[in-house]
Amino acid sequence: MSPTPLDASRLTFGEPTWHVLGAGSLGSLWAVRLARVGLPVRLILRDPQRLSAYRCAGGLRLVEDGMEQLYPIPAEIPDANPPIRRLLLACKAYDAVPAVEHLASRLALGAELVLLQNGLGSQDAVAARLPGCRCVLASTTEGAFRDGDFRVVFAGRGHTWLGDAGQPPIWLDELSAAGIPHAWSEMIHGRLWRKLALNCAINPLTVLYDCRNGGLQAHAGEVAGLCTELAELLRHCDQMDAAEGLQEEVERVIQATAANYSSMHQDVARGRRSEIAYLLGHACREAGHRKLHLPRLKELRQRLQRHLAERGLPLD
């Protein structure tokens, strides 16, 4: 079903532009869906070379339900002049702070940011650097992947939860109009912790065993042991709901995504930096702060760091 266009009157009287930094899979997916219902969207690309490559490509290409379409969304570099009132930050967790520091002079007072990073840690670091802005946290189950430069395949419909300590923002209506399934959650930290635990139980092992998610069914005992320790960590972090039924959900995810490679596996296989510091690293740091003895998590982090070091990749 096509998204319902917004009332035209809402789009002609100073509707804030959605700036999107991070033209990867999820950033591109959001940008396309917002733009095609008439909302103002601008991509922020990292340098003039990427901007030139984007213009040569003619825009973003989205493959959805087997059909490919080109969307010539305007783009700019971080040093452009227009102020930013609304920003979707869809870059990797380790790039989040450098990105907002580069854009700080362009962010209007009271600017709203949607932080779509994996793991935990980067969100607090971004918010600490932008005390005059509103940072809305997001957690999503939507699936998309890049199979070419500025070309994204919409792989799986899911849901996005957003939240902070304030009231729901008015722009949630725009997400509805754009066909982005979402809900406002007062328990957003719990959802982020739950997703972190799922990723910690699955992603590192897929790297170490060089397998698709389904390959972890052969290591069920190891997965179960990690889930036990992760659930203990969640409970000590006052995330009781996130701890409930963790192992069962991990097993369901492994089965449902058996043919997929985890994002961490893809990053390491391509020689790219992983987000270990914001997933397993964050879990181990929180365990250390609370003086918890979680030997399986600690050993897993050490094994993964050795694996990364052997390939010349960053350990954090």
Protein backbone atom coordinates (compact mmCIF):
# COMPACT_ATOMS: atom_id res chain seq x y z
CA MET A 1 0.00 0.00 0.00
CA SER A 2 1.35 3.45 -0.92
CA PRO A 3 1.87 5.97 1.88
CA THR A 4 -0.86 8.59 2.25
CA PRO A 5 0.38 12.02 1.11
CA LEU A 6 0.31 14.82 3.65
CA ASP A 7 -2.16 17.65 3.28
CA ALA A 8 -0.46 20.08 0.88
CA SER A 9 -1.12 23.02 3.20
CA ARG A 10 1.18 21.48 5.77
CA LEU A 11 4.09 21.37 3.36
CA THR A 12 4.22 24.98 2.19
CA PHE A 13 4.49 27.05 5.35
CA GLY A 14 7.95 26.56 6.75
CA GLU A 15 7.78 22.83 7.40
CA PRO A 16 11.23 22.01 8.90
CA THR A 17 13.51 20.14 6.55
CA TRP A 18 14.50 16.61 7.50
CA HIS A 19 18.28 16.59 7.26
CA VAL A 20 19.58 13.03 7.07
CA LEU A 21 23.19 12.28 7.94
CA GLY A 22 24.15 8.74 7.08
CA ALA A 23 23.14 7.63 3.60
CA GLY A 24 23.48 3.96 4.49
CA SER A 25 20.64 1.49 4.50
CA LEU A 26 18.33 2.88 7.20
CA GLY A 27 19.14 6.55 6.59
CA SER A 28 18.37 6.15 2.89
CA LEU A 29 15.20 4.21 3.63
CA TRP A 30 13.89 6.98 5.89
CA ALA A 31 14.95 9.71 3.47
CA VAL A 32 13.13 8.13 0.53
CA ARG A 33 9.90 7.49 2.42
CA LEU A 34 9.80 11.02 3.83
CA ALA A 35 10.61 12.64 0.48
CA ARG A 36 8.12 10.73 -1.61
CA VAL A 37 5.18 12.09 0.39
CA GLY A 38 6.32 15.64 -0.28
CA LEU A 39 8.25 16.41 2.89
CA PRO A 40 11.44 18.48 2.51
CA VAL A 41 14.48 16.23 2.89
CA ARG A 42 18.19 16.89 2.41
CA LEU A 43 20.99 14.35 2.65
CA ILE A 44 24.24 15.35 4.32
CA LEU A 45 27.18 13.59 2.67
CA ARG A 46 30.62 13.53 4.24
CA ASP A 47 32.69 15.44 1.64
CA PRO A 48 32.63 16.98 -1.86
CA GLN A 49 33.79 13.70 -3.42
CA ARG A 50 30.79 11.80 -2.04
CA LEU A 51 28.49 14.64 -3.07
CA SER A 52 29.88 14.48 -6.61
CA ALA A 53 29.43 10.70 -6.72
CA TYR A 54 25.85 11.09 -5.49
CA ARG A 55 25.03 13.65 -8.15
CA CYS A 56 26.50 11.37 -10.81
CA ALA A 57 24.25 8.59 -9.53
CA GLY A 58 21.24 10.88 -9.92
CA GLY A 59 19.91 10.28 -6.41
CA LEU A 60 18.99 7.37 -4.15
CA ARG A 61 17.70 4.11 -5.59
CA LEU A 62 15.30 2.05 -3.49
CA VAL A 63 14.38 -1.52 -4.32
CA GLU A 64 11.03 -2.33 -2.74
CA ASP A 65 8.90 -5.39 -3.45
CA GLY A 66 11.19 -6.17 -6.38
CA MET A 67 10.73 -2.76 -7.99
CA GLU A 68 13.52 -0.19 -8.23
CA GLN A 69 12.89 3.55 -8.26
CA LEU A 70 15.19 6.57 -8.34
CA TYR A 71 14.65 9.45 -5.92
CA PRO A 72 16.66 12.63 -6.70
CA ILE A 73 16.73 13.93 -3.11
CA PRO A 74 18.78 17.12 -2.65
CA ALA A 75 22.13 16.67 -0.93
CA GLU A 76 24.83 18.82 0.61
CA ILE A 77 28.06 18.55 2.63
CA PRO A 78 28.34 19.22 6.39
CA ASP A 79 29.86 22.67 5.79
CA ALA A 80 26.82 23.97 3.91
CA ASN A 81 25.13 27.08 5.32
CA PRO A 82 21.43 26.39 5.98
CA PRO A 83 20.58 25.89 9.68
CA ILE A 84 19.38 22.48 10.78
CA ARG A 85 16.20 22.24 12.83
CA ARG A 86 15.57 18.52 12.46
CA LEU A 87 18.25 15.87 11.97
CA LEU A 88 18.05 12.12 11.52
CA LEU A 89 21.44 10.83 12.63
CA ALA A 90 21.73 7.43 10.97
CA CYS A 91 25.50 6.93 10.96
CA LYS A 92 27.49 4.25 12.80
CA ALA A 93 27.67 4.62 16.59
CA TYR A 94 31.38 5.47 16.52
CA ASP A 95 30.76 8.28 14.01
CA ALA A 96 27.89 9.89 15.93
CA VAL A 97 29.86 12.27 18.16
CA PRO A 98 32.29 13.45 15.43
CA ALA A 99 29.31 14.00 13.13
CA VAL A 100 27.36 16.25 15.50
CA GLU A 101 30.51 18.12 16.50
CA HIS A 102 31.06 18.93 12.82
CA LEU A 103 27.45 20.08 12.48
CA ALA A 104 27.19 21.90 15.83
CA SER A 105 27.47 25.39 14.34
CA ARG A 106 24.52 24.65 12.01
CA LEU A 107 22.18 23.25 14.65
CA ALA A 108 19.48 25.75 15.58
CA LEU A 109 18.66 26.30 19.24
CA GLY A 110 16.09 23.67 20.15
CA ALA A 111 16.91 21.52 17.12
CA GLU A 112 15.49 18.00 17.25
CA LEU A 113 17.66 14.96 16.55
CA VAL A 114 16.57 11.37 16.02
CA LEU A 115 19.40 9.06 17.06
CA LEU A 116 19.24 5.81 15.13
CA GLN A 117 22.46 4.24 16.40
CA ASN A 118 23.09 0.64 17.29
CA GLY A 119 23.96 -0.32 20.85
CA LEU A 120 24.28 2.08 23.78
CA GLY A 121 26.70 4.79 24.80
CA SER A 122 26.81 6.99 21.72
CA GLN A 123 23.36 8.47 22.45
CA ASP A 124 24.38 9.84 25.85
CA ALA A 125 27.63 11.16 24.40
CA VAL A 126 25.76 13.03 21.66
CA ALA A 127 23.20 14.49 24.08
CA ALA A 128 25.97 15.67 26.43
CA ARG A 129 27.52 17.68 23.61
CA LEU A 130 24.23 19.28 22.54
CA PRO A 131 22.54 20.62 25.69
CA GLY A 132 20.42 23.03 23.65
CA CYS A 133 18.93 20.31 21.45
CA ARG A 134 16.33 17.59 21.89
CA CYS A 135 17.70 14.09 21.31
CA VAL A 136 15.05 11.45 20.61
CA LEU A 137 16.28 7.86 20.87
CA ALA A 138 15.19 5.27 18.33
CA SER A 139 15.26 1.49 18.07
CA THR A 140 14.13 -0.30 14.93
CA THR A 141 13.50 -3.80 13.64
CA GLU A 142 13.24 -2.74 10.00
CA GLY A 143 15.58 -4.46 7.58
CA ALA A 144 17.46 -2.91 4.69
CA PHE A 145 20.84 -3.35 3.07
CA ARG A 146 22.99 -1.61 0.49
CA ASP A 147 23.86 -3.59 -2.62
CA GLY A 148 25.49 -0.70 -4.47
CA ASP A 149 26.49 2.92 -4.09
CA PHE A 150 23.37 4.91 -3.15
CA ARG A 151 21.24 1.82 -3.80
CA VAL A 152 19.26 0.22 -0.96
CA VAL A 153 17.09 -2.88 -0.81
CA PHE A 154 14.16 -2.81 1.62
CA ALA A 155 14.54 -6.31 3.05
CA GLY A 156 12.06 -6.56 5.88
CA ARG A 157 9.20 -4.53 7.26
CA GLY A 158 9.45 -3.90 10.96
CA HIS A 159 8.73 -1.30 13.58
CA THR A 160 10.53 1.70 15.07
CA TRP A 161 10.19 2.82 18.67
CA LEU A 162 11.09 6.38 19.62
CA GLY A 163 11.24 8.11 22.96
CA ASP A 164 12.79 10.53 25.41
CA ALA A 165 11.75 12.15 28.67
CA GLY A 166 9.39 14.60 26.97
CA GLN A 167 6.05 14.53 25.21
CA PRO A 168 5.66 12.95 21.75
CA PRO A 169 6.77 15.44 19.05
CA ILE A 170 4.34 16.70 16.44
CA TRP A 171 6.41 15.27 13.60
CA LEU A 172 5.31 11.73 14.45
CA ASP A 173 2.38 12.47 12.12
CA GLU A 174 4.90 12.87 9.32
CA LEU A 175 6.30 9.41 9.99
CA SER A 176 2.77 8.00 9.77
CA ALA A 177 2.16 9.78 6.48
CA ALA A 178 5.46 8.46 5.16
CA GLY A 179 4.52 4.87 5.97
CA ILE A 180 7.17 4.45 8.68
CA PRO A 181 5.60 2.14 11.31
CA HIS A 182 6.42 3.57 14.71
CA ALA A 183 5.33 4.08 18.29
CA TRP A 184 6.30 6.49 21.04
CA SER A 185 7.78 4.60 23.98
CA GLU A 186 8.28 5.89 27.51
CA MET A 187 10.45 2.80 28.00
CA ILE A 188 12.84 3.47 25.13
CA HIS A 189 15.92 2.67 27.21
CA GLY A 190 14.49 -0.75 27.94
CA ARG A 191 14.01 -1.40 24.24
CA LEU A 192 17.57 -0.27 23.50
CA TRP A 193 18.93 -2.52 26.26
CA ARG A 194 16.91 -5.47 24.96
CA LYS A 195 18.22 -4.97 21.43
CA LEU A 196 21.77 -4.61 22.77
CA ALA A 197 21.41 -7.94 24.59
CA LEU A 198 20.08 -9.64 21.46
CA ASN A 199 23.00 -8.31 19.45
CA CYS A 200 25.55 -9.35 22.10
CA ALA A 201 24.19 -12.89 22.12
CA ILE A 202 24.27 -13.25 18.33
CA ASN A 203 26.60 -10.90 16.45
CA PRO A 204 30.01 -11.66 18.05
CA LEU A 205 29.52 -15.42 17.70
CA THR A 206 28.63 -15.11 14.01
CA VAL A 207 31.96 -13.32 13.52
CA LEU A 208 33.98 -15.87 15.50
CA TYR A 209 32.35 -18.86 13.80
CA ASP A 210 32.14 -17.10 10.41
CA CYS A 211 28.53 -18.12 9.94
CA ARG A 212 25.07 -16.88 9.16
CA ASN A 213 22.75 -16.36 12.11
CA GLY A 214 21.31 -19.82 11.64
CA GLY A 215 24.74 -21.36 12.15
CA LEU A 216 24.46 -20.52 15.86
CA GLN A 217 21.93 -23.32 16.26
CA ALA A 218 24.99 -25.58 16.40
CA HIS A 219 26.25 -23.56 19.39
CA ALA A 220 23.04 -23.47 21.39
CA GLY A 221 24.75 -24.10 24.72
CA GLU A 222 27.12 -21.17 24.26
CA VAL A 223 24.25 -18.91 23.26
CA ALA A 224 22.24 -19.98 26.31
CA GLY A 225 25.14 -19.25 28.64
CA LEU A 226 25.52 -15.75 27.21
CA CYS A 227 21.79 -15.13 27.59
CA THR A 228 21.96 -16.10 31.25
CA GLU A 229 24.71 -13.55 31.92
CA LEU A 230 23.08 -10.85 29.77
CA ALA A 231 19.78 -11.28 31.62
CA GLU A 232 21.64 -10.91 34.92
CA LEU A 233 23.24 -7.70 33.67
CA LEU A 234 19.87 -6.33 32.55
CA ARG A 235 18.33 -6.99 35.95
CA HIS A 236 21.20 -5.21 37.71
CA CYS A 237 20.67 -2.26 35.35
CA ASP A 238 17.01 -2.08 36.45
CA GLN A 239 15.82 -3.40 33.09
CA MET A 240 13.60 -6.19 34.40
CA ASP A 241 11.27 -6.26 31.40
CA ALA A 242 14.22 -6.39 29.00
CA ALA A 243 15.59 -9.41 30.87
CA GLU A 244 12.33 -11.37 30.72
CA GLY A 245 12.34 -14.20 28.17
CA LEU A 246 15.64 -13.08 26.63
CA GLN A 247 16.91 -16.52 25.66
CA GLU A 248 13.62 -17.46 24.01
CA GLU A 249 13.67 -14.30 21.91
CA VAL A 250 17.31 -14.82 20.93
CA GLU A 251 16.43 -18.31 19.74
CA ARG A 252 13.46 -16.96 17.77
CA VAL A 253 15.63 -14.30 16.11
CA ILE A 254 18.28 -16.86 15.18
CA GLN A 255 15.63 -19.06 13.58
CA ALA A 256 13.76 -16.23 11.85
CA THR A 257 16.94 -14.70 10.41
CA ALA A 258 18.79 -17.98 9.84
CA ALA A 259 19.82 -17.07 6.28
CA ASN A 260 21.12 -13.61 7.21
CA TYR A 261 24.60 -12.45 8.12
CA SER A 262 24.68 -10.19 11.17
CA SER A 263 25.69 -6.55 10.68
CA MET A 264 28.89 -7.16 12.68
CA HIS A 265 29.78 -10.13 10.50
CA GLN A 266 29.27 -8.01 7.38
CA ASP A 267 31.44 -5.20 8.77
CA VAL A 268 34.32 -7.51 9.70
CA ALA A 269 34.11 -9.47 6.44
CA ARG A 270 34.46 -6.20 4.53
CA GLY A 271 37.39 -5.04 6.64
CA ARG A 272 35.36 -2.31 8.34
CA ARG A 273 35.36 -1.16 11.92
CA SER A 274 32.76 -2.96 14.06
CA GLU A 275 30.52 -1.44 16.72
CA ILE A 276 31.91 -3.70 19.47
CA ALA A 277 32.47 -0.75 21.82
CA TYR A 278 28.76 0.09 21.82
CA LEU A 279 27.52 -3.50 22.07
CA LEU A 280 29.69 -6.04 23.88
CA GLY A 281 32.03 -3.31 25.14
CA HIS A 282 29.17 -1.36 26.69
CA ALA A 283 27.78 -4.49 28.34
CA CYS A 284 31.16 -5.35 29.84
CA ARG A 285 31.73 -1.79 31.07
CA GLU A 286 28.35 -1.73 32.78
CA ALA A 287 29.08 -5.10 34.36
CA GLY A 288 32.38 -3.75 35.64
CA HIS A 289 30.75 -0.65 37.15
CA ARG A 290 28.43 -2.96 39.09
CA LYS A 291 31.22 -5.42 40.01
CA LEU A 292 29.34 -8.28 38.35
CA HIS A 293 31.19 -11.51 37.58
CA LEU A 294 30.16 -12.41 34.03
CA PRO A 295 32.99 -14.62 32.73
CA ARG A 296 31.32 -15.68 29.48
CA LEU A 297 30.79 -12.10 28.35
CA LYS A 298 34.32 -11.13 29.34
CA GLU A 299 35.84 -14.08 27.48
CA LEU A 300 33.68 -13.41 24.41
CA ARG A 301 34.91 -9.82 24.28
CA GLN A 302 38.53 -10.96 24.55
CA ARG A 303 38.07 -13.57 21.80
CA LEU A 304 36.45 -11.02 19.53
CA GLN A 305 39.18 -8.46 20.15
CA ARG A 306 41.87 -11.04 19.30
CA HIS A 307 39.96 -11.88 16.12
CA LEU A 308 39.80 -8.20 15.13
CA ALA A 309 43.47 -7.64 15.97
CA GLU A 310 44.49 -10.53 13.69
CA ARG A 311 42.72 -8.73 10.85
CA GLY A 312 44.17 -5.32 11.63
CA LEU A 313 40.79 -3.90 12.67
CA PRO A 314 40.13 -1.52 15.61
CA LEU A 315 39.46 -3.20 18.93
CA ASP A 316 36.85 -0.66 20.05
